[in-house]
Amino acid sequence: MEQLFESLSIVPKDKKLYYEALTHPSANKSRNYERLEYLGDAVIELIATEYIYTKFPKYPEGKMTKLRALVVSRPSLAKFASMLKLTDYMKFSEGELRNKGREKDRTQCNAFEATLGAIYLDQGFAKAEQIFLSCAKAMLDEGYVQETGIDNPKGKLQEILQAIVPVAPLYELLSEKGPDHNKVFTVRVIWQETELGQGQGSSKKAAESAAALSAVQNESWKSISQ
């Protein structure tokens, strides 16, 4: 468990919360992840809702709901649990282990929700938000790209700019943070010596796409071309 705390950059105040969050009901019928899962579900929904509401101000309610549903779905949360290797730290009954309990999407999803609930109680909302978005931000942004209908933001931006001045935009890596399994890249796109937008992603390519999408959406080149 100490390895998990280190990977999450957490100094726990109450370790019992995390042990409970990572205990399967098969291992302990009265002290397991079910209550924290209930809490974590609400915390995750609030984080995702606030991020989408703030990040995508032009989205109507229906599209915000659709994007949130994508990122808080069972397969998505199971993927985030796998990124953090949560089930490696979980306590199961021998029978559940033989039944491949560690690999079940439902178990991984529940463990992620419970762990976020524990982090919220132990460390506060800001830390829970930081950890959730470190896992989910790329999926949120990629889902947004799909919803806009712009499946190639870099190509779209270059097409727009080439019609004004035949000079290609440049992409500059601003930062690379986080452990190897969960890096966050920040990139900016520059044209005519002016920054058009910034973006983040789980890879340089994803960050470049996010920066290009920001430029396309904000039409930031217009002030230069006028």
C-alpha atoms as a PDB file:
ATOM      1  CA  MET A   1       0.000   0.000   0.000  1.00  0.00           C
ATOM      2  CA  GLU A   2       2.908   2.369   0.647  1.00  0.00           C
ATOM      3  CA  GLN A   3       3.825   2.033  -3.026  1.00  0.00           C
ATOM      4  CA  LEU A   4       0.306   3.175  -3.965  1.00  0.00           C
ATOM      5  CA  PHE A   5       0.539   6.205  -1.682  1.00  0.00           C
ATOM      6  CA  GLU A   6       3.875   7.110  -3.237  1.00  0.00           C
ATOM      7  CA  SER A   7       2.557   6.761  -6.795  1.00  0.00           C
ATOM      8  CA  LEU A   8      -0.394   9.038  -5.934  1.00  0.00           C
ATOM      9  CA  SER A   9       1.824  11.503  -4.019  1.00  0.00           C
ATOM     10  CA  ILE A  10      -0.323  11.022  -0.921  1.00  0.00           C
ATOM     11  CA  VAL A  11       0.655  11.163   2.742  1.00  0.00           C
ATOM     12  CA  PRO A  12      -2.423   9.503   4.274  1.00  0.00           C
ATOM     13  CA  LYS A  13      -4.008  10.831   7.426  1.00  0.00           C
ATOM     14  CA  ASP A  14      -6.196   7.754   7.883  1.00  0.00           C
ATOM     15  CA  LYS A  15      -4.820   4.620   6.224  1.00  0.00           C
ATOM     16  CA  LYS A  16      -7.880   2.626   7.297  1.00  0.00           C
ATOM     17  CA  LEU A  17      -9.930   4.431   4.638  1.00  0.00           C
ATOM     18  CA  TYR A  18      -7.683   3.126   1.869  1.00  0.00           C
ATOM     19  CA  TYR A  19      -7.614  -0.423   3.229  1.00  0.00           C
ATOM     20  CA  GLU A  20     -11.411  -0.343   3.316  1.00  0.00           C
ATOM     21  CA  ALA A  21     -11.564   1.085  -0.220  1.00  0.00           C
ATOM     22  CA  LEU A  22      -9.425  -1.791  -1.467  1.00  0.00           C
ATOM     23  CA  THR A  23     -11.175  -4.626   0.354  1.00  0.00           C
ATOM     24  CA  HIS A  24     -13.528  -6.742  -1.744  1.00  0.00           C
ATOM     25  CA  PRO A  25     -16.840  -7.794  -0.089  1.00  0.00           C
ATOM     26  CA  SER A  26     -15.758 -11.424  -0.464  1.00  0.00           C
ATOM     27  CA  ALA A  27     -12.897 -10.763   1.961  1.00  0.00           C
ATOM     28  CA  ASN A  28     -14.864  -8.825   4.563  1.00  0.00           C
ATOM     29  CA  LYS A  29     -18.657  -8.590   4.569  1.00  0.00           C
ATOM     30  CA  SER A  30     -18.882  -5.623   6.952  1.00  0.00           C
ATOM     31  CA  ARG A  31     -15.751  -3.562   6.152  1.00  0.00           C
ATOM     32  CA  ASN A  32     -15.319  -3.328   2.396  1.00  0.00           C
ATOM     33  CA  TYR A  33     -15.425  -0.834  -0.453  1.00  0.00           C
ATOM     34  CA  GLU A  34     -19.206  -0.574  -0.850  1.00  0.00           C
ATOM     35  CA  ARG A  35     -19.847   2.548   1.264  1.00  0.00           C
ATOM     36  CA  LEU A  36     -16.827   4.418  -0.095  1.00  0.00           C
ATOM     37  CA  GLU A  37     -17.830   3.380  -3.610  1.00  0.00           C
ATOM     38  CA  TYR A  38     -21.164   5.132  -3.064  1.00  0.00           C
ATOM     39  CA  LEU A  39     -19.406   8.320  -1.988  1.00  0.00           C
ATOM     40  CA  GLY A  40     -16.750   8.137  -4.709  1.00  0.00           C
ATOM     41  CA  ASP A  41     -19.396   7.812  -7.405  1.00  0.00           C
ATOM     42  CA  ALA A  42     -20.833  11.212  -6.407  1.00  0.00           C
ATOM     43  CA  VAL A  43     -17.381  12.821  -6.150  1.00  0.00           C
ATOM     44  CA  ILE A  44     -16.395  11.583  -9.610  1.00  0.00           C
ATOM     45  CA  GLU A  45     -19.629  12.812 -11.163  1.00  0.00           C
ATOM     46  CA  LEU A  46     -19.125  16.277  -9.670  1.00  0.00           C
ATOM     47  CA  ILE A  47     -15.508  16.484 -10.853  1.00  0.00           C
ATOM     48  CA  ALA A  48     -16.404  15.408 -14.384  1.00  0.00           C
ATOM     49  CA  THR A  49     -19.411  17.745 -14.509  1.00  0.00           C
ATOM     50  CA  GLU A  50     -17.445  20.782 -13.342  1.00  0.00           C
ATOM     51  CA  TYR A  51     -14.577  20.074 -15.760  1.00  0.00           C
ATOM     52  CA  ILE A  52     -16.903  19.697 -18.761  1.00  0.00           C
ATOM     53  CA  TYR A  53     -18.961  22.755 -17.791  1.00  0.00           C
ATOM     54  CA  THR A  54     -15.834  24.937 -17.461  1.00  0.00           C
ATOM     55  CA  LYS A  55     -13.746  23.511 -20.308  1.00  0.00           C
ATOM     56  CA  PHE A  56     -16.448  23.459 -22.981  1.00  0.00           C
ATOM     57  CA  PRO A  57     -18.557  26.615 -22.482  1.00  0.00           C
ATOM     58  CA  LYS A  58     -20.327  26.257 -25.846  1.00  0.00           C
ATOM     59  CA  TYR A  59     -21.720  22.808 -25.066  1.00  0.00           C
ATOM     60  CA  PRO A  60     -25.493  22.542 -24.450  1.00  0.00           C
ATOM     61  CA  GLU A  61     -26.803  20.354 -21.631  1.00  0.00           C
ATOM     62  CA  GLY A  62     -27.372  17.307 -23.827  1.00  0.00           C
ATOM     63  CA  LYS A  63     -23.799  17.184 -25.113  1.00  0.00           C
ATOM     64  CA  MET A  64     -22.364  17.771 -21.651  1.00  0.00           C
ATOM     65  CA  THR A  65     -24.423  14.856 -20.357  1.00  0.00           C
ATOM     66  CA  LYS A  66     -23.284  12.609 -23.191  1.00  0.00           C
ATOM     67  CA  LEU A  67     -19.613  13.392 -22.611  1.00  0.00           C
ATOM     68  CA  ARG A  68     -19.925  12.888 -18.859  1.00  0.00           C
ATOM     69  CA  ALA A  69     -21.617   9.534 -19.415  1.00  0.00           C
ATOM     70  CA  LEU A  70     -18.640   8.447 -21.534  1.00  0.00           C
ATOM     71  CA  VAL A  71     -16.056   9.212 -18.875  1.00  0.00           C
ATOM     72  CA  VAL A  72     -17.936   7.905 -15.816  1.00  0.00           C
ATOM     73  CA  SER A  73     -19.026   4.654 -17.464  1.00  0.00           C
ATOM     74  CA  ARG A  74     -17.945   1.325 -15.972  1.00  0.00           C
ATOM     75  CA  PRO A  75     -15.408   0.541 -18.760  1.00  0.00           C
ATOM     76  CA  SER A  76     -13.812   3.987 -18.375  1.00  0.00           C
ATOM     77  CA  LEU A  77     -13.507   3.795 -14.590  1.00  0.00           C
ATOM     78  CA  ALA A  78     -12.165   0.238 -14.865  1.00  0.00           C
ATOM     79  CA  LYS A  79      -9.528   1.563 -17.267  1.00  0.00           C
ATOM     80  CA  PHE A  80      -8.522   4.262 -14.777  1.00  0.00           C
ATOM     81  CA  ALA A  81      -8.258   1.658 -12.006  1.00  0.00           C
ATOM     82  CA  SER A  82      -5.991  -0.391 -14.249  1.00  0.00           C
ATOM     83  CA  MET A  83      -3.822   2.685 -14.910  1.00  0.00           C
ATOM     84  CA  LEU A  84      -3.313   3.027 -11.147  1.00  0.00           C
ATOM     85  CA  LYS A  85      -2.986  -0.770 -10.676  1.00  0.00           C
ATOM     86  CA  LEU A  86      -5.518  -0.612  -7.853  1.00  0.00           C
ATOM     87  CA  THR A  87      -6.488  -4.276  -7.833  1.00  0.00           C
ATOM     88  CA  ASP A  88      -2.839  -5.191  -7.208  1.00  0.00           C
ATOM     89  CA  TYR A  89      -3.379  -3.793  -3.707  1.00  0.00           C
ATOM     90  CA  MET A  90      -6.824  -5.290  -3.116  1.00  0.00           C
ATOM     91  CA  LYS A  91      -7.793  -7.933  -0.589  1.00  0.00           C
ATOM     92  CA  PHE A  92      -9.952 -10.782  -1.965  1.00  0.00           C
ATOM     93  CA  SER A  93     -11.183 -14.109  -0.708  1.00  0.00           C
ATOM     94  CA  GLU A  94      -9.386 -17.127  -2.155  1.00  0.00           C
ATOM     95  CA  GLY A  95     -12.548 -18.065  -4.039  1.00  0.00           C
ATOM     96  CA  GLU A  96     -12.828 -14.649  -5.672  1.00  0.00           C
ATOM     97  CA  LEU A  97      -9.174 -14.766  -6.684  1.00  0.00           C
ATOM     98  CA  ARG A  98      -9.732 -18.155  -8.318  1.00  0.00           C
ATOM     99  CA  ASN A  99     -12.699 -16.566 -10.079  1.00  0.00           C
ATOM    100  CA  LYS A 100     -10.340 -13.931 -11.567  1.00  0.00           C
ATOM    101  CA  GLY A 101     -11.766 -11.193  -9.368  1.00  0.00           C
ATOM    102  CA  ARG A 102      -8.867  -8.840 -10.044  1.00  0.00           C
ATOM    103  CA  GLU A 103      -9.694  -8.751 -13.761  1.00  0.00           C
ATOM    104  CA  LYS A 104     -13.417  -7.991 -13.580  1.00  0.00           C
ATOM    105  CA  ASP A 105     -14.483  -4.591 -14.929  1.00  0.00           C
ATOM    106  CA  ARG A 106     -17.067  -4.224 -12.196  1.00  0.00           C
ATOM    107  CA  THR A 107     -14.514  -4.812  -9.448  1.00  0.00           C
ATOM    108  CA  GLN A 108     -12.010  -2.417 -11.006  1.00  0.00           C
ATOM    109  CA  CYS A 109     -14.700   0.240 -11.417  1.00  0.00           C
ATOM    110  CA  ASN A 110     -15.849  -0.163  -7.807  1.00  0.00           C
ATOM    111  CA  ALA A 111     -12.276   0.002  -6.528  1.00  0.00           C
ATOM    112  CA  PHE A 112     -11.635   3.231  -8.409  1.00  0.00           C
ATOM    113  CA  GLU A 113     -14.814   4.863  -7.087  1.00  0.00           C
ATOM    114  CA  ALA A 114     -14.048   3.735  -3.533  1.00  0.00           C
ATOM    115  CA  THR A 115     -10.452   4.940  -3.719  1.00  0.00           C
ATOM    116  CA  LEU A 116     -11.585   8.380  -4.949  1.00  0.00           C
ATOM    117  CA  GLY A 117     -14.053   8.423  -2.061  1.00  0.00           C
ATOM    118  CA  ALA A 118     -11.249   7.637   0.381  1.00  0.00           C
ATOM    119  CA  ILE A 119      -9.003  10.323  -1.115  1.00  0.00           C
ATOM    120  CA  TYR A 120     -11.829  12.862  -0.884  1.00  0.00           C
ATOM    121  CA  LEU A 121     -12.364  12.137   2.826  1.00  0.00           C
ATOM    122  CA  ASP A 122      -8.676  11.916   3.662  1.00  0.00           C
ATOM    123  CA  GLN A 123      -7.097  14.564   1.413  1.00  0.00           C
ATOM    124  CA  GLY A 124      -9.935  16.797   0.253  1.00  0.00           C
ATOM    125  CA  PHE A 125     -11.738  17.569  -2.988  1.00  0.00           C
ATOM    126  CA  ALA A 126      -8.758  19.196  -4.752  1.00  0.00           C
ATOM    127  CA  LYS A 127      -6.597  16.070  -4.447  1.00  0.00           C
ATOM    128  CA  ALA A 128      -9.435  13.794  -5.577  1.00  0.00           C
ATOM    129  CA  GLU A 129      -9.975  16.093  -8.557  1.00  0.00           C
ATOM    130  CA  GLN A 130      -6.271  16.107  -9.454  1.00  0.00           C
ATOM    131  CA  ILE A 131      -6.032  12.319  -9.419  1.00  0.00           C
ATOM    132  CA  PHE A 132      -9.263  11.781 -11.346  1.00  0.00           C
ATOM    133  CA  LEU A 133      -8.345  14.291 -14.062  1.00  0.00           C
ATOM    134  CA  SER A 134      -4.825  12.860 -14.378  1.00  0.00           C
ATOM    135  CA  CYS A 135      -6.546   9.632 -15.449  1.00  0.00           C
ATOM    136  CA  ALA A 136      -9.569  11.007 -17.315  1.00  0.00           C
ATOM    137  CA  LYS A 137      -8.499  14.268 -18.967  1.00  0.00           C
ATOM    138  CA  ALA A 138      -7.278  12.683 -22.197  1.00  0.00           C
ATOM    139  CA  MET A 139     -10.541  10.746 -22.552  1.00  0.00           C
ATOM    140  CA  LEU A 140     -12.607  13.853 -21.847  1.00  0.00           C
ATOM    141  CA  ASP A 141     -10.731  15.907 -24.395  1.00  0.00           C
ATOM    142  CA  GLU A 142     -10.687  13.153 -27.016  1.00  0.00           C
ATOM    143  CA  GLY A 143     -14.433  12.664 -26.504  1.00  0.00           C
ATOM    144  CA  TYR A 144     -14.901  16.364 -27.055  1.00  0.00           C
ATOM    145  CA  VAL A 145     -12.872  16.232 -30.265  1.00  0.00           C
ATOM    146  CA  GLN A 146     -15.119  13.433 -31.530  1.00  0.00           C
ATOM    147  CA  GLU A 147     -18.249  15.380 -30.592  1.00  0.00           C
ATOM    148  CA  THR A 148     -17.103  18.498 -32.471  1.00  0.00           C
ATOM    149  CA  GLY A 149     -16.788  16.491 -35.668  1.00  0.00           C
ATOM    150  CA  ILE A 150     -13.171  17.632 -36.045  1.00  0.00           C
ATOM    151  CA  ASP A 151     -11.398  14.296 -36.180  1.00  0.00           C
ATOM    152  CA  ASN A 152      -8.077  15.822 -37.275  1.00  0.00           C
ATOM    153  CA  PRO A 153      -7.617  19.170 -35.469  1.00  0.00           C
ATOM    154  CA  LYS A 154      -3.999  19.595 -36.626  1.00  0.00           C
ATOM    155  CA  GLY A 155      -4.962  19.076 -40.259  1.00  0.00           C
ATOM    156  CA  LYS A 156      -7.942  21.423 -39.919  1.00  0.00           C
ATOM    157  CA  LEU A 157      -5.811  24.159 -38.350  1.00  0.00           C
ATOM    158  CA  GLN A 158      -3.123  23.845 -41.021  1.00  0.00           C
ATOM    159  CA  GLU A 159      -5.768  24.045 -43.747  1.00  0.00           C
ATOM    160  CA  ILE A 160      -7.153  27.271 -42.240  1.00  0.00           C
ATOM    161  CA  LEU A 161      -3.749  28.881 -41.788  1.00  0.00           C
ATOM    162  CA  GLN A 162      -2.386  27.891 -45.200  1.00  0.00           C
ATOM    163  CA  ALA A 163      -5.302  29.747 -46.812  1.00  0.00           C
ATOM    164  CA  ILE A 164      -4.127  32.940 -45.063  1.00  0.00           C
ATOM    165  CA  VAL A 165      -0.317  32.669 -45.189  1.00  0.00           C
ATOM    166  CA  PRO A 166       1.473  29.550 -46.490  1.00  0.00           C
ATOM    167  CA  VAL A 167       3.427  29.018 -43.271  1.00  0.00           C
ATOM    168  CA  ALA A 168       2.924  25.866 -41.194  1.00  0.00           C
ATOM    169  CA  PRO A 169       2.193  26.170 -37.460  1.00  0.00           C
ATOM    170  CA  LEU A 170       4.800  24.967 -34.973  1.00  0.00           C
ATOM    171  CA  TYR A 171       4.136  22.833 -31.906  1.00  0.00           C
ATOM    172  CA  GLU A 172       6.270  23.385 -28.816  1.00  0.00           C
ATOM    173  CA  LEU A 173       6.401  21.073 -25.785  1.00  0.00           C
ATOM    174  CA  LEU A 174       5.998  23.197 -22.662  1.00  0.00           C
ATOM    175  CA  SER A 175       6.083  20.527 -19.967  1.00  0.00           C
ATOM    176  CA  GLU A 176       6.031  16.802 -19.274  1.00  0.00           C
ATOM    177  CA  LYS A 177       4.843  15.805 -15.809  1.00  0.00           C
ATOM    178  CA  GLY A 178       3.894  12.702 -13.883  1.00  0.00           C
ATOM    179  CA  PRO A 179       5.107   9.102 -13.589  1.00  0.00           C
ATOM    180  CA  ASP A 180       5.841   7.044 -16.716  1.00  0.00           C
ATOM    181  CA  HIS A 181       2.477   5.254 -16.585  1.00  0.00           C
ATOM    182  CA  ASN A 182       0.502   8.475 -16.243  1.00  0.00           C
ATOM    183  CA  LYS A 183       2.299  11.386 -17.906  1.00  0.00           C
ATOM    184  CA  VAL A 184       0.645  14.668 -18.812  1.00  0.00           C
ATOM    185  CA  PHE A 185       2.140  16.630 -21.709  1.00  0.00           C
ATOM    186  CA  THR A 186       1.447  20.331 -22.295  1.00  0.00           C
ATOM    187  CA  VAL A 187       2.004  21.734 -25.789  1.00  0.00           C
ATOM    188  CA  ARG A 188       1.403  25.094 -27.419  1.00  0.00           C
ATOM    189  CA  VAL A 189       0.868  25.853 -31.104  1.00  0.00           C
ATOM    190  CA  ILE A 190       2.626  28.901 -32.575  1.00  0.00           C
ATOM    191  CA  TRP A 191       2.024  30.645 -35.900  1.00  0.00           C
ATOM    192  CA  GLN A 192       3.556  33.888 -37.129  1.00  0.00           C
ATOM    193  CA  GLU A 193       5.427  34.064 -33.792  1.00  0.00           C
ATOM    194  CA  THR A 194       2.117  34.148 -31.888  1.00  0.00           C
ATOM    195  CA  GLU A 195       0.669  31.478 -29.609  1.00  0.00           C
ATOM    196  CA  LEU A 196      -2.697  30.292 -30.925  1.00  0.00           C
ATOM    197  CA  GLY A 197      -3.543  27.797 -28.207  1.00  0.00           C
ATOM    198  CA  GLN A 198      -2.386  25.275 -25.628  1.00  0.00           C
ATOM    199  CA  GLY A 199      -3.418  21.711 -24.966  1.00  0.00           C
ATOM    200  CA  GLN A 200      -2.716  18.772 -22.674  1.00  0.00           C
ATOM    201  CA  GLY A 201      -2.775  15.045 -23.284  1.00  0.00           C
ATOM    202  CA  SER A 202      -1.415  11.695 -22.206  1.00  0.00           C
ATOM    203  CA  SER A 203       1.011  11.800 -25.161  1.00  0.00           C
ATOM    204  CA  LYS A 204       2.688  14.568 -27.161  1.00  0.00           C
ATOM    205  CA  LYS A 205       0.457  13.732 -30.110  1.00  0.00           C
ATOM    206  CA  ALA A 206      -2.703  14.049 -28.008  1.00  0.00           C
ATOM    207  CA  ALA A 207      -1.469  17.334 -26.517  1.00  0.00           C
ATOM    208  CA  GLU A 208      -0.745  18.713 -29.995  1.00  0.00           C
ATOM    209  CA  SER A 209      -4.253  17.757 -31.133  1.00  0.00           C
ATOM    210  CA  ALA A 210      -5.738  19.460 -28.074  1.00  0.00           C
ATOM    211  CA  ALA A 211      -3.708  22.631 -28.751  1.00  0.00           C
ATOM    212  CA  ALA A 212      -4.814  22.658 -32.403  1.00  0.00           C
ATOM    213  CA  LEU A 213      -8.433  22.106 -31.384  1.00  0.00           C
ATOM    214  CA  SER A 214      -8.205  25.036 -28.960  1.00  0.00           C
ATOM    215  CA  ALA A 215      -6.909  27.255 -31.766  1.00  0.00           C
ATOM    216  CA  VAL A 216      -9.633  26.126 -34.170  1.00  0.00           C
ATOM    217  CA  GLN A 217     -12.400  26.599 -31.617  1.00  0.00           C
ATOM    218  CA  ASN A 218     -11.173  30.009 -30.433  1.00  0.00           C
ATOM    219  CA  GLU A 219     -10.310  31.255 -33.949  1.00  0.00           C
ATOM    220  CA  SER A 220      -7.248  32.870 -32.378  1.00  0.00           C
ATOM    221  CA  TRP A 221      -5.522  33.393 -35.745  1.00  0.00           C
ATOM    222  CA  LYS A 222      -8.051  36.082 -36.742  1.00  0.00           C
ATOM    223  CA  SER A 223      -6.353  38.814 -34.718  1.00  0.00           C
ATOM    224  CA  ILE A 224      -3.084  38.114 -36.572  1.00  0.00           C
ATOM    225  CA  SER A 225      -4.500  37.931 -40.078  1.00  0.00           C
ATOM    226  CA  GLN A 226      -6.506  41.153 -39.808  1.00  0.00           C
END
